[in-house]
Structures are given as C-alpha cells and as structure tokens.
Amino acid sequence: MKRKVEIAGGGIAGLSAGALFARRGWEVNVHEQGSEIREVGAGIYIKNNSLEVLEKLGVLDRIRGQGTVLERAQIQFADGTVKQERPLRDKSRVHTFARQVLIEGLRDAALEAGVNIVTGSRVTGALPGKGLLTADGGLHEADLVIAADGVHSAVRNSLKMGGGFTELPTIINRYLVEGRAFTSQPKTVEHWSGNRRIGVTPSGPDHTYVYMVAPAWDAKAARFPIDAEDWSRRFPRIADLMAVLHRAEGTQYHYGLVKCPKWSVGNIAILGDAAHGLPPTLGQGAGLTLMNAYALAHLVADADDVAAAVAAWEQRVRFISDRTQAWAVRYDWFTRQWPTSLDFARPLVAWSFGQFKCLNERMRVADRGLAQAGIDMMGEARP
C-alpha cells in the first residue's frame, strides 16, 4: 500500500518535495490556497546547491534556455570602482531565472511525477500523527505532513512551538525589466552607495532582474514608485536605469526573519521559508529550500518509522540553514547599519568578504550543498 504525504503550500518548497516523494512511490497531495500555481516576485538566483537538486529532478534541462549562466559577480561603488569580484564556477556556480519560470518548471515536474495539486485549498493547521487541516473542515490523513506554507505558516503556528516571523528594518524593491540593455555581459553587479544597494543581473535572454535595497528609515529610498532623481544622485553611473525603474512594475516589501525552534513534530516536517525564512542577502532562500526538500525525501521516503526519520533529517541538515541564516542577518546589518562616519572603511570590509577564503567559505556554506551533511547527491547517504 502506498504511503501518503499531504503538503501545505504550492511554492518552491511544496512542489519540489512533492515531486521528490512522488518519484519514490508516495501518494502526494499539494494544497495551494491560490487559484493557480504562480510565484510572486521578479528574478531569482539559483546557486550550486539548488542546481544539484534541479538537475536530479530534470527541471534544469527543462528551463535552462530561459535563464542565464552567470560567469562572475561584482560589487561596485558609486564611483565605478570594483571592490569585489568573484568567478562563479564549480561550487560557486549561479544561474538566474524569472521566478515564474522556476515555479512552472517545478510544477510540471511535480505533475509528471504524479503529484495531485489541489488549488483553492487553504490549510489552517495540522495534527501530529494524523494529518493536515483545511479551511473547509477537512482532515487529510497522511503518513507524513509537510508544512511548506511560507513565513506565516499556518501549520507551524498551529503547533504552538514558539518562534515565528519578524519584520526587519530593511526595504527591498524588485523588478523584472524587459530587455538586456543594462546587462550585456553574463555577470551580476551590485552597486553600493552608502547604505543603499542596487543589484543588476541578466535573467534569461530577454529580461534583466533589478533589486534596490535600503534601510526602512531612509524616507526617500522608501518611496514607491521610486524617486528617480534622488536615486540617480546616489548612483550617477546608472542614472538611465533609474528612469526605467520609475515607470516599471515592481514590488516592495521588508526583509524578514523566521525563527523556528523545531523543524519536526511527530510526523510533521517544516520546510522552506516556514522553517528558515531569511534576508535574501546571500541569495539562498530557494537554495536551502531545495536542498532540504531533497534531504527530506532521501532520508524519510524509505524509512520504517517516519517520525523518527523526520527528526533525524532535522538533526542532520539543519546546521547548514542555521549558519546561512546567521550570515544573511549579519550581512544585512552591515549594509544597513554601517555608520556613515566610517564609510572610509566600507571598501575594505567589502573587499575582505571576497578575498579571505575562510570568511567567504563560512558565509557561503550552503553553496557546497548536502555533501557537508554526509549526503551524496550521486549516491546514498553515508552513515
């Protein structure tokens, strides 16, 4: 008899976990409260640990032509000087896509694997050892429940374990701009001016992904649509881009942080942003999610005792997410709170992030993937 998993959330976490469990012979139901599978946002960085999972699922081959393989990453200051440059290859490889391209690739992989996606199904909680609760009064019994329902997770909150979501005092604007006029080369450039940053990255053959980050207390930076004249004064070398962004459709929101004391309660696993939502300063939101989804299926799908296997999964892989989250918060603090009186030292700190191998490896621990947890993506988990 097939074992069954009920999944709350039809985003990156829910669809990837659903596809992975379905491929291992499980019956899978994914509950999505929206009327369709869609992703809110603009572009997305897919790093080495994400790419390893997408390759396993066959998704990368499906969407490769709609993305960009980046060759290097730069930090430039407002005067045009390059303060950090990193090659993006091997364990540091990065692809970029429109977020909708990725979500549709995962959706198609899930459907092909036999996942049943139920739209218009709002999850309200879960009962350990039993199943998933939905707003229509249903109890969906399952051998395994996966809470992949985002930073405000109804499942996590129903378990009353403490923790939860905290809004951080950093604002980000995101845009997906048509054309490649500002990104002729396969590189990502982050422009710095004081406590503001602008990232400009090619995202497929026909689009450019742009994000703008500033402290929430910066009233001029927080205007939306943007004050093009004010941003142009701060970033004169890309003033032409400011005029485009002033007219472009975009989104604005605060950075956030999720603290989740436990990722497992009985046969319930908490996955993705519901478990480790973090500032996007290291581009690892999707990476941690895909990596942890793979590990969950790898370690739980064939286990006799699901609850014990879920607890072992958390113990085995959580350290990578915890360390990445801590570094993401530090990086956000540095770029947001660095005193203007010490601006003269900012270039040295930015340079050190890229040049000191020990510092860079600690900050980018997630890039190296599940091998650090003894899980070989090409074979079986080591004891």
Protein backbone atom coordinates (compact mmCIF):
# COMPACT_ATOMS: atom_id res chain seq x y z
CA MET A 1 0.00 0.00 0.00
CA LYS A 2 1.29 3.42 -0.95
CA ARG A 3 2.24 5.79 1.80
CA LYS A 4 0.82 9.30 1.59
CA VAL A 5 2.17 12.79 2.18
CA GLU A 6 -0.01 15.89 2.47
CA ILE A 7 1.79 19.15 1.69
CA ALA A 8 0.72 22.66 2.65
CA GLY A 9 1.86 25.17 0.03
CA GLY A 10 2.35 25.08 -3.73
CA GLY A 11 5.55 27.12 -3.91
CA ILE A 12 9.15 26.07 -4.43
CA ALA A 13 9.24 24.00 -1.23
CA GLY A 14 5.93 22.20 -1.69
CA LEU A 15 6.35 21.40 -5.38
CA SER A 16 9.94 20.18 -5.10
CA ALA A 17 9.16 18.00 -2.08
CA GLY A 18 6.04 16.69 -3.80
CA ALA A 19 7.94 15.70 -6.93
CA LEU A 20 10.71 14.04 -4.92
CA PHE A 21 8.33 11.94 -2.81
CA ALA A 22 6.14 11.02 -5.80
CA ARG A 23 9.21 9.73 -7.62
CA ARG A 24 9.82 7.45 -4.66
CA GLY A 25 6.34 5.95 -4.97
CA TRP A 26 4.37 8.01 -2.46
CA GLU A 27 0.88 9.35 -2.99
CA VAL A 28 1.24 13.15 -2.85
CA ASN A 29 -1.33 15.91 -2.41
CA VAL A 30 -0.19 19.54 -2.55
CA HIS A 31 -2.63 22.11 -1.14
CA GLU A 32 -2.32 25.59 -2.65
CA GLN A 33 -4.63 28.31 -1.39
CA GLY A 34 -4.38 30.33 -4.62
CA SER A 35 -6.39 29.64 -7.74
CA GLU A 36 -3.25 28.72 -9.69
CA ILE A 37 0.43 27.95 -9.21
CA ARG A 38 2.27 31.23 -9.50
CA GLU A 39 5.25 32.96 -7.92
CA VAL A 40 5.27 36.49 -6.57
CA GLY A 41 8.43 38.41 -7.37
CA ALA A 42 10.83 39.09 -10.19
CA GLY A 43 14.10 37.23 -10.73
CA ILE A 44 15.83 34.57 -8.68
CA TYR A 45 19.40 33.39 -8.17
CA ILE A 46 19.83 29.62 -8.37
CA LYS A 47 23.11 28.58 -6.79
CA ASN A 48 25.07 25.35 -6.80
CA ASN A 49 23.08 23.58 -4.08
CA SER A 50 19.82 24.45 -5.88
CA LEU A 51 21.20 23.39 -9.25
CA GLU A 52 22.14 19.96 -7.92
CA VAL A 53 18.53 19.30 -6.95
CA LEU A 54 17.07 20.77 -10.14
CA GLU A 55 19.40 18.54 -12.16
CA LYS A 56 18.12 15.49 -10.25
CA LEU A 57 14.53 16.47 -10.99
CA GLY A 58 15.21 17.18 -14.66
CA VAL A 59 13.94 20.72 -14.15
CA LEU A 60 17.21 22.43 -15.06
CA ASP A 61 17.23 20.89 -18.55
CA ARG A 62 13.62 21.99 -18.96
CA ILE A 63 14.21 25.66 -18.12
CA ARG A 64 17.89 26.19 -18.96
CA GLY A 65 17.22 28.16 -22.14
CA GLN A 66 15.06 30.66 -20.25
CA GLY A 67 17.84 31.59 -17.83
CA THR A 68 21.37 32.97 -17.74
CA VAL A 69 24.55 31.22 -16.61
CA LEU A 70 26.49 33.89 -14.73
CA GLU A 71 30.26 34.00 -15.08
CA ARG A 72 31.18 36.43 -12.31
CA ALA A 73 29.81 38.64 -9.54
CA GLN A 74 30.98 42.16 -8.76
CA ILE A 75 30.49 44.80 -6.08
CA GLN A 76 30.93 48.30 -7.50
CA PHE A 77 30.85 51.55 -5.58
CA ALA A 78 29.07 54.63 -6.90
CA ASP A 79 32.25 55.99 -8.49
CA GLY A 80 32.56 52.82 -10.61
CA THR A 81 35.43 51.20 -8.74
CA VAL A 82 35.14 47.42 -8.35
CA LYS A 83 35.62 46.47 -4.68
CA GLN A 84 34.99 42.74 -5.02
CA GLU A 85 34.87 40.29 -7.90
CA ARG A 86 34.27 36.54 -7.73
CA PRO A 87 34.25 33.94 -10.50
CA LEU A 88 31.07 31.86 -10.48
CA ARG A 89 32.04 28.30 -11.27
CA ASP A 90 32.19 24.83 -9.72
CA LYS A 91 30.64 25.00 -6.22
CA SER A 92 30.05 28.73 -6.73
CA ARG A 93 28.10 28.41 -9.99
CA VAL A 94 24.96 30.54 -10.34
CA HIS A 95 22.10 30.65 -12.84
CA THR A 96 19.37 33.30 -12.89
CA PHE A 97 15.75 32.96 -13.98
CA ALA A 98 12.47 34.76 -13.75
CA ARG A 99 10.80 33.32 -10.63
CA GLN A 100 7.76 32.26 -12.64
CA VAL A 101 9.97 30.19 -14.95
CA LEU A 102 11.30 28.22 -11.98
CA ILE A 103 7.89 27.67 -10.39
CA GLU A 104 6.40 26.45 -13.66
CA GLY A 105 9.31 24.06 -14.16
CA LEU A 106 8.77 22.61 -10.69
CA ARG A 107 5.00 22.43 -11.24
CA ASP A 108 5.44 20.47 -14.45
CA ALA A 109 7.94 18.10 -12.83
CA ALA A 110 5.53 17.51 -9.94
CA LEU A 111 2.60 16.80 -12.25
CA GLU A 112 4.66 14.42 -14.39
CA ALA A 113 5.68 12.54 -11.23
CA GLY A 114 2.01 12.06 -10.33
CA VAL A 115 1.51 14.78 -7.73
CA ASN A 116 -2.09 15.88 -7.18
CA ILE A 117 -2.14 19.70 -6.91
CA VAL A 118 -5.28 21.00 -5.21
CA THR A 119 -5.76 24.74 -5.78
CA GLY A 120 -8.15 26.87 -3.72
CA SER A 121 -7.36 24.74 -0.68
CA ARG A 122 -6.43 26.84 2.37
CA VAL A 123 -4.57 24.99 5.10
CA THR A 124 -5.33 26.01 8.69
CA GLY A 125 -3.09 23.67 10.69
CA ALA A 126 -2.05 20.09 11.31
CA LEU A 127 -2.44 17.36 13.91
CA PRO A 128 0.70 15.35 14.72
CA GLY A 129 0.24 11.69 13.93
CA LYS A 130 -2.92 12.39 11.96
CA GLY A 131 -2.87 14.84 9.11
CA LEU A 132 -3.46 18.26 7.58
CA LEU A 133 -6.39 20.52 8.42
CA THR A 134 -8.07 22.71 5.78
CA ALA A 135 -10.49 25.63 5.97
CA ASP A 136 -13.38 23.54 4.62
CA GLY A 137 -13.23 21.45 7.80
CA GLY A 138 -11.31 18.60 6.23
CA LEU A 139 -8.76 16.38 7.97
CA HIS A 140 -6.43 14.94 5.33
CA GLU A 141 -4.83 11.93 6.97
CA ALA A 142 -1.26 11.13 5.99
CA ASP A 143 1.85 9.21 6.93
CA LEU A 144 3.78 12.47 6.57
CA VAL A 145 2.73 16.13 6.64
CA ILE A 146 4.98 18.83 5.16
CA ALA A 147 4.47 22.45 6.16
CA ALA A 148 5.72 24.40 3.13
CA ASP A 149 3.33 27.32 3.59
CA GLY A 150 5.73 30.23 3.93
CA VAL A 151 6.91 32.64 6.58
CA HIS A 152 3.45 32.99 8.13
CA SER A 153 2.95 29.21 8.14
CA ALA A 154 -0.46 28.19 9.48
CA VAL A 155 0.86 24.71 10.18
CA ARG A 156 3.84 25.96 12.20
CA ASN A 157 1.64 28.36 14.14
CA SER A 158 -0.91 25.63 14.92
CA LEU A 159 1.79 23.57 16.63
CA LYS A 160 2.34 26.37 19.19
CA MET A 161 6.07 25.79 19.39
CA GLY A 162 7.06 29.45 19.74
CA GLY A 163 9.20 31.43 17.35
CA GLY A 164 7.70 32.91 14.21
CA PHE A 165 8.21 35.75 11.73
CA THR A 166 9.91 39.08 12.45
CA GLU A 167 9.96 42.01 10.03
CA LEU A 168 13.40 43.60 9.65
CA PRO A 169 14.06 47.32 9.08
CA THR A 170 15.29 46.86 5.50
CA ILE A 171 13.23 47.54 2.38
CA ILE A 172 13.72 45.86 -0.98
CA ASN A 173 12.20 46.74 -4.36
CA ARG A 174 12.26 44.07 -7.09
CA TYR A 175 11.78 44.45 -10.83
CA LEU A 176 11.93 42.25 -13.92
CA VAL A 177 12.75 44.66 -16.75
CA GLU A 178 12.30 43.72 -20.38
CA GLY A 179 15.49 43.69 -22.44
CA ARG A 180 19.20 43.39 -21.74
CA ALA A 181 20.30 46.97 -22.39
CA PHE A 182 21.86 47.21 -18.92
CA THR A 183 23.23 43.64 -18.77
CA SER A 184 25.07 42.83 -21.97
CA GLN A 185 27.54 40.57 -20.13
CA PRO A 186 26.78 37.39 -18.12
CA LYS A 187 27.65 38.93 -14.78
CA THR A 188 25.78 40.24 -11.76
CA VAL A 189 26.76 43.64 -10.41
CA GLU A 190 25.77 45.01 -7.03
CA HIS A 191 26.18 48.80 -6.86
CA TRP A 192 26.80 50.33 -3.41
CA SER A 193 26.28 53.91 -2.28
CA GLY A 194 26.32 54.39 1.47
CA ASN A 195 23.56 52.22 2.96
CA ARG A 196 21.81 51.68 -0.37
CA ARG A 197 22.43 48.86 -2.84
CA ILE A 198 21.21 48.12 -6.37
CA GLY A 199 21.69 44.69 -7.96
CA VAL A 200 21.54 44.42 -11.75
CA THR A 201 21.57 40.92 -13.27
CA PRO A 202 20.63 39.33 -16.60
CA SER A 203 17.72 36.92 -16.17
CA GLY A 204 17.34 34.96 -19.36
CA PRO A 205 17.75 36.17 -22.94
CA ASP A 206 15.09 38.89 -22.73
CA HIS A 207 14.99 40.24 -19.17
CA THR A 208 17.04 41.99 -16.50
CA TYR A 209 16.44 41.43 -12.79
CA VAL A 210 16.95 44.52 -10.62
CA TYR A 211 16.67 44.85 -6.85
CA MET A 212 17.06 48.00 -4.77
CA VAL A 213 17.79 47.77 -1.03
CA ALA A 214 17.80 50.49 1.62
CA PRO A 215 17.16 50.98 5.34
CA ALA A 216 13.49 51.46 6.17
CA TRP A 217 14.35 54.74 7.92
CA ASP A 218 15.60 56.21 4.61
CA ALA A 219 12.35 58.03 3.71
CA LYS A 220 13.42 59.00 0.18
CA ALA A 221 14.55 55.47 -0.64
CA ALA A 222 11.27 54.06 0.68
CA ARG A 223 9.16 56.00 -1.84
CA PHE A 224 7.38 53.73 -4.30
CA PRO A 225 7.38 54.23 -7.24
CA ILE A 226 10.96 55.33 -6.74
CA ASP A 227 12.20 58.89 -6.66
CA ALA A 228 14.34 58.55 -9.81
CA GLU A 229 16.08 61.88 -9.28
CA ASP A 230 17.15 61.00 -5.73
CA TRP A 231 18.40 57.52 -6.68
CA SER A 232 20.24 58.97 -9.70
CA ARG A 233 22.14 61.38 -7.47
CA ARG A 234 23.28 58.42 -5.36
CA PHE A 235 24.07 56.20 -8.37
CA PRO A 236 25.03 58.57 -11.22
CA ARG A 237 26.67 55.87 -13.35
CA ILE A 238 23.34 54.01 -13.74
CA ALA A 239 21.04 57.03 -13.83
CA ASP A 240 19.49 55.79 -17.11
CA LEU A 241 18.27 52.70 -15.29
CA MET A 242 16.54 54.83 -12.64
CA ALA A 243 14.31 56.39 -15.28
CA VAL A 244 13.27 52.92 -16.45
CA LEU A 245 12.55 51.69 -12.92
CA HIS A 246 10.43 54.73 -12.13
CA ARG A 247 7.99 53.55 -14.83
CA ALA A 248 8.39 49.80 -14.31
CA GLU A 249 6.06 47.47 -12.44
CA GLY A 250 7.69 46.20 -9.28
CA THR A 251 7.14 45.06 -5.72
CA GLN A 252 8.30 46.47 -2.39
CA TYR A 253 8.45 44.72 0.97
CA HIS A 254 10.52 44.43 4.14
CA TYR A 255 13.15 41.80 4.76
CA GLY A 256 12.01 39.22 7.27
CA LEU A 257 13.37 36.50 9.53
CA VAL A 258 11.77 33.25 10.71
CA LYS A 259 12.86 31.62 13.93
CA CYS A 260 11.58 28.06 14.19
CA PRO A 261 12.65 26.17 17.35
CA LYS A 262 11.88 22.77 15.78
CA TRP A 263 11.53 21.60 12.20
CA SER A 264 9.82 18.37 13.19
CA VAL A 265 6.87 17.44 15.41
CA GLY A 266 5.97 13.80 15.16
CA ASN A 267 5.24 13.06 11.50
CA ILE A 268 5.20 16.79 10.57
CA ALA A 269 8.19 18.36 8.79
CA ILE A 270 8.53 22.13 8.44
CA LEU A 271 10.22 23.09 5.18
CA GLY A 272 11.37 26.17 3.29
CA ASP A 273 10.61 29.71 4.45
CA ALA A 274 8.29 28.31 7.13
CA ALA A 275 11.41 26.86 8.79
CA HIS A 276 14.23 29.23 7.91
CA GLY A 277 12.95 32.41 6.22
CA LEU A 278 15.92 34.76 5.95
CA PRO A 279 17.02 38.05 4.38
CA PRO A 280 17.91 37.45 0.69
CA THR A 281 21.40 38.93 1.10
CA LEU A 282 23.11 35.64 0.15
CA GLY A 283 20.56 34.52 -2.46
CA GLN A 284 19.94 31.25 -0.61
CA GLY A 285 16.20 31.21 0.10
CA ALA A 286 15.48 28.81 -2.75
CA GLY A 287 18.79 27.01 -2.29
CA LEU A 288 18.18 25.97 1.30
CA THR A 289 14.61 25.02 0.44
CA LEU A 290 15.51 22.74 -2.47
CA MET A 291 18.43 21.20 -0.61
CA ASN A 292 16.36 20.42 2.49
CA ALA A 293 13.49 19.04 0.38
CA TYR A 294 15.89 16.63 -1.31
CA ALA A 295 17.35 15.54 2.02
CA LEU A 296 13.87 15.02 3.48
CA ALA A 297 12.81 12.69 0.66
CA HIS A 298 16.18 10.96 0.66
CA LEU A 299 16.11 10.19 4.38
CA VAL A 300 12.38 9.67 5.04
CA ALA A 301 10.81 8.09 1.95
CA ASP A 302 12.09 4.55 2.66
CA ALA A 303 12.15 4.74 6.46
CA ASP A 304 10.04 2.35 8.54
CA ASP A 305 9.47 4.96 11.27
CA VAL A 306 8.53 8.24 9.58
CA ALA A 307 8.51 10.36 12.74
CA ALA A 308 11.97 9.16 13.77
CA ALA A 309 13.29 9.74 10.25
CA VAL A 310 11.90 13.29 10.17
CA ALA A 311 13.61 14.07 13.48
CA ALA A 312 16.86 12.60 12.15
CA TRP A 313 16.53 14.73 8.98
CA GLU A 314 16.38 17.91 11.04
CA GLN A 315 19.33 16.89 13.17
CA ARG A 316 21.40 16.03 10.11
CA VAL A 317 20.88 19.03 7.84
CA ARG A 318 19.69 21.96 9.94
CA PHE A 319 23.15 23.32 10.75
CA ILE A 320 23.66 24.47 7.15
CA SER A 321 20.47 26.57 7.20
CA ASP A 322 21.14 27.97 10.67
CA ARG A 323 24.64 29.12 9.70
CA THR A 324 23.44 30.60 6.43
CA GLN A 325 20.61 32.44 8.14
CA ALA A 326 23.01 33.90 10.71
CA TRP A 327 25.37 35.16 7.99
CA ALA A 328 22.47 36.59 5.97
CA VAL A 329 21.40 38.61 9.02
CA ARG A 330 24.97 39.83 9.63
CA TYR A 331 25.33 40.90 6.01
CA ASP A 332 22.03 42.77 6.17
CA TRP A 333 23.18 44.56 9.33
CA PHE A 334 26.49 45.52 7.73
CA THR A 335 24.93 47.01 4.62
CA ARG A 336 22.09 48.73 6.53
CA GLN A 337 23.64 49.93 9.79
CA TRP A 338 27.29 50.68 8.96
CA PRO A 339 27.92 54.20 10.33
CA THR A 340 28.36 56.88 7.69
CA SER A 341 31.27 58.25 9.74
CA LEU A 342 33.12 55.02 8.93
CA ASP A 343 32.35 54.99 5.21
CA PHE A 344 36.08 55.18 4.52
CA ALA A 345 36.42 51.63 5.90
CA ARG A 346 33.46 50.15 4.00
CA PRO A 347 35.52 49.28 0.85
CA LEU A 348 37.99 47.30 2.95
CA VAL A 349 35.24 45.28 4.60
CA ALA A 350 33.55 44.62 1.24
CA TRP A 351 36.89 43.52 -0.18
CA SER A 352 37.53 41.19 2.76
CA PHE A 353 34.22 39.34 2.22
CA GLY A 354 35.51 38.19 -1.16
CA GLN A 355 39.23 37.84 -0.54
CA PHE A 356 39.53 35.93 2.74
CA LYS A 357 38.80 32.30 1.90
CA CYS A 358 37.90 31.27 5.45
CA LEU A 359 35.39 34.12 5.76
CA ASN A 360 33.91 33.54 2.32
CA GLU A 361 33.52 29.79 2.91
CA ARG A 362 31.75 30.33 6.24
CA MET A 363 29.39 32.89 4.75
CA ARG A 364 28.62 30.74 1.69
CA VAL A 365 28.43 27.40 3.50
CA ALA A 366 25.18 26.48 1.70
CA ASP A 367 26.78 26.69 -1.75
CA ARG A 368 28.67 23.46 -1.05
CA GLY A 369 25.42 21.54 -0.68
CA LEU A 370 24.42 18.38 1.15
CA ALA A 371 27.82 16.69 0.99
CA GLN A 372 28.57 18.54 4.25
CA ALA A 373 25.75 16.57 5.87
CA GLY A 374 27.06 13.27 4.51
CA ILE A 375 24.50 13.05 1.70
CA ASP A 376 25.98 12.26 -1.68
CA MET A 377 23.72 13.61 -4.41
CA MET A 378 25.04 10.90 -6.71
CA GLY A 379 24.53 8.03 -4.30
CA GLU A 380 23.26 7.13 -0.85
CA ALA A 381 23.54 8.94 2.46
CA ARG A 382 26.64 7.98 4.39
CA PRO A 383 26.13 6.79 7.97
